[in-house]
């Protein structure tokens, strides 16, 4: 399990979207800024599940607008599981 949530989510986005890690800020929008489509978002959610050992329902993943949304969700799930 990754311990640095922000870094882990950014690495997942680099892998799936081919984005430069330096261009991935918490305010970056997955679609308009990083080029993610709905399938990309589902694949990103699946990678997040595997990396952080959490569950990300599709309806939650659909609500990820920014990188920060995904990071906040992961942080909340990890905090909740402790």
C-alpha atoms as a PDB file:
ATOM      1  CA  UNK A   1       0.000   0.000   0.000  1.00  0.00           C
ATOM      2  CA  UNK A   2       1.284   3.444  -0.865  1.00  0.00           C
ATOM      3  CA  UNK A   3       1.761   5.819   2.027  1.00  0.00           C
ATOM      4  CA  UNK A   4       2.049   9.115   0.164  1.00  0.00           C
ATOM      5  CA  UNK A   5      -1.440   9.466  -1.252  1.00  0.00           C
ATOM      6  CA  UNK A   6      -0.829  12.538  -3.404  1.00  0.00           C
ATOM      7  CA  UNK A   7       2.296  11.042  -4.951  1.00  0.00           C
ATOM      8  CA  UNK A   8       0.559   7.706  -5.519  1.00  0.00           C
ATOM      9  CA  UNK A   9      -2.448   9.245  -7.264  1.00  0.00           C
ATOM     10  CA  UNK A  10      -0.166  11.393  -9.420  1.00  0.00           C
ATOM     11  CA  UNK A  11       1.857   8.334 -10.478  1.00  0.00           C
ATOM     12  CA  UNK A  12      -1.351   6.503 -11.409  1.00  0.00           C
ATOM     13  CA  UNK A  13      -2.410   9.464 -13.555  1.00  0.00           C
ATOM     14  CA  UNK A  14       0.987   9.527 -15.280  1.00  0.00           C
ATOM     15  CA  UNK A  15       0.637   5.842 -16.124  1.00  0.00           C
ATOM     16  CA  UNK A  16      -2.945   6.061 -17.416  1.00  0.00           C
ATOM     17  CA  UNK A  17      -2.930   9.454 -19.085  1.00  0.00           C
ATOM     18  CA  UNK A  18       0.683   9.897 -20.105  1.00  0.00           C
ATOM     19  CA  UNK A  19       0.651  13.298 -18.431  1.00  0.00           C
ATOM     20  CA  UNK A  20       3.795  14.927 -17.136  1.00  0.00           C
ATOM     21  CA  UNK A  21       3.896  14.505 -13.364  1.00  0.00           C
ATOM     22  CA  UNK A  22       4.862  18.162 -12.963  1.00  0.00           C
ATOM     23  CA  UNK A  23       1.629  19.213 -14.703  1.00  0.00           C
ATOM     24  CA  UNK A  24      -0.610  17.287 -12.306  1.00  0.00           C
ATOM     25  CA  UNK A  25      -1.738  19.690  -9.606  1.00  0.00           C
ATOM     26  CA  UNK A  26      -4.590  19.067  -7.173  1.00  0.00           C
ATOM     27  CA  UNK A  27      -6.659  21.615  -9.126  1.00  0.00           C
ATOM     28  CA  UNK A  28      -6.056  19.971 -12.516  1.00  0.00           C
ATOM     29  CA  UNK A  29      -9.314  18.730 -14.019  1.00  0.00           C
ATOM     30  CA  UNK A  30      -9.180  15.120 -15.140  1.00  0.00           C
ATOM     31  CA  UNK A  31     -11.047  15.718 -18.393  1.00  0.00           C
ATOM     32  CA  UNK A  32     -10.262  19.201 -19.692  1.00  0.00           C
ATOM     33  CA  UNK A  33      -6.731  19.536 -18.285  1.00  0.00           C
ATOM     34  CA  UNK A  34      -5.437  15.961 -18.395  1.00  0.00           C
ATOM     35  CA  UNK A  35      -7.520  14.497 -21.236  1.00  0.00           C
ATOM     36  CA  UNK A  36      -9.245  11.719 -19.279  1.00  0.00           C
ATOM     37  CA  UNK A  37     -12.462  10.271 -20.678  1.00  0.00           C
ATOM     38  CA  UNK A  38     -14.983   8.193 -18.714  1.00  0.00           C
ATOM     39  CA  UNK A  39     -13.156   4.917 -19.419  1.00  0.00           C
ATOM     40  CA  UNK A  40      -9.885   6.466 -18.229  1.00  0.00           C
ATOM     41  CA  UNK A  41     -11.553   7.521 -14.986  1.00  0.00           C
ATOM     42  CA  UNK A  42     -12.812   3.973 -14.345  1.00  0.00           C
ATOM     43  CA  UNK A  43      -9.347   2.550 -15.053  1.00  0.00           C
ATOM     44  CA  UNK A  44      -7.792   5.158 -12.751  1.00  0.00           C
ATOM     45  CA  UNK A  45     -10.283   4.202 -10.024  1.00  0.00           C
ATOM     46  CA  UNK A  46      -9.350   0.526 -10.437  1.00  0.00           C
ATOM     47  CA  UNK A  47      -5.662   1.371 -10.097  1.00  0.00           C
ATOM     48  CA  UNK A  48      -6.399   3.475  -7.017  1.00  0.00           C
ATOM     49  CA  UNK A  49      -8.275   0.512  -5.507  1.00  0.00           C
ATOM     50  CA  UNK A  50      -5.313  -1.765  -6.087  1.00  0.00           C
ATOM     51  CA  UNK A  51      -2.652   0.712  -4.964  1.00  0.00           C
ATOM     52  CA  UNK A  52      -4.366   1.793  -1.757  1.00  0.00           C
ATOM     53  CA  UNK A  53      -6.385  -1.354  -0.961  1.00  0.00           C
ATOM     54  CA  UNK A  54      -9.697   0.525  -0.915  1.00  0.00           C
ATOM     55  CA  UNK A  55     -12.969   0.325  -2.843  1.00  0.00           C
ATOM     56  CA  UNK A  56     -13.945   3.051  -5.321  1.00  0.00           C
ATOM     57  CA  UNK A  57     -17.505   2.547  -6.584  1.00  0.00           C
ATOM     58  CA  UNK A  58     -18.066   3.602 -10.201  1.00  0.00           C
ATOM     59  CA  UNK A  59     -20.578   6.254  -9.126  1.00  0.00           C
ATOM     60  CA  UNK A  60     -17.902   7.805  -6.891  1.00  0.00           C
ATOM     61  CA  UNK A  61     -15.266   7.689  -9.624  1.00  0.00           C
ATOM     62  CA  UNK A  62     -17.703   9.469 -11.949  1.00  0.00           C
ATOM     63  CA  UNK A  63     -17.710  12.377  -9.476  1.00  0.00           C
ATOM     64  CA  UNK A  64     -13.931  12.880  -9.634  1.00  0.00           C
ATOM     65  CA  UNK A  65     -13.609  16.224 -11.405  1.00  0.00           C
ATOM     66  CA  UNK A  66     -10.157  17.242 -10.217  1.00  0.00           C
ATOM     67  CA  UNK A  67      -7.057  15.396  -9.094  1.00  0.00           C
ATOM     68  CA  UNK A  68      -7.798  16.785  -5.628  1.00  0.00           C
ATOM     69  CA  UNK A  69     -11.204  15.053  -5.634  1.00  0.00           C
ATOM     70  CA  UNK A  70      -9.519  11.684  -6.115  1.00  0.00           C
ATOM     71  CA  UNK A  71      -6.874  12.424  -3.482  1.00  0.00           C
ATOM     72  CA  UNK A  72      -9.485  13.575  -0.953  1.00  0.00           C
ATOM     73  CA  UNK A  73     -11.548  10.432  -1.506  1.00  0.00           C
ATOM     74  CA  UNK A  74      -8.525   8.179  -0.954  1.00  0.00           C
ATOM     75  CA  UNK A  75      -7.535  10.101   2.184  1.00  0.00           C
ATOM     76  CA  UNK A  76     -11.072   9.815   3.575  1.00  0.00           C
ATOM     77  CA  UNK A  77     -11.261   6.076   2.853  1.00  0.00           C
ATOM     78  CA  UNK A  78      -7.894   5.377   4.456  1.00  0.00           C
ATOM     79  CA  UNK A  79      -8.781   7.517   7.482  1.00  0.00           C
ATOM     80  CA  UNK A  80     -12.135   5.747   7.792  1.00  0.00           C
ATOM     81  CA  UNK A  81     -10.508   2.299   7.708  1.00  0.00           C
ATOM     82  CA  UNK A  82      -8.172   3.066  10.622  1.00  0.00           C
END
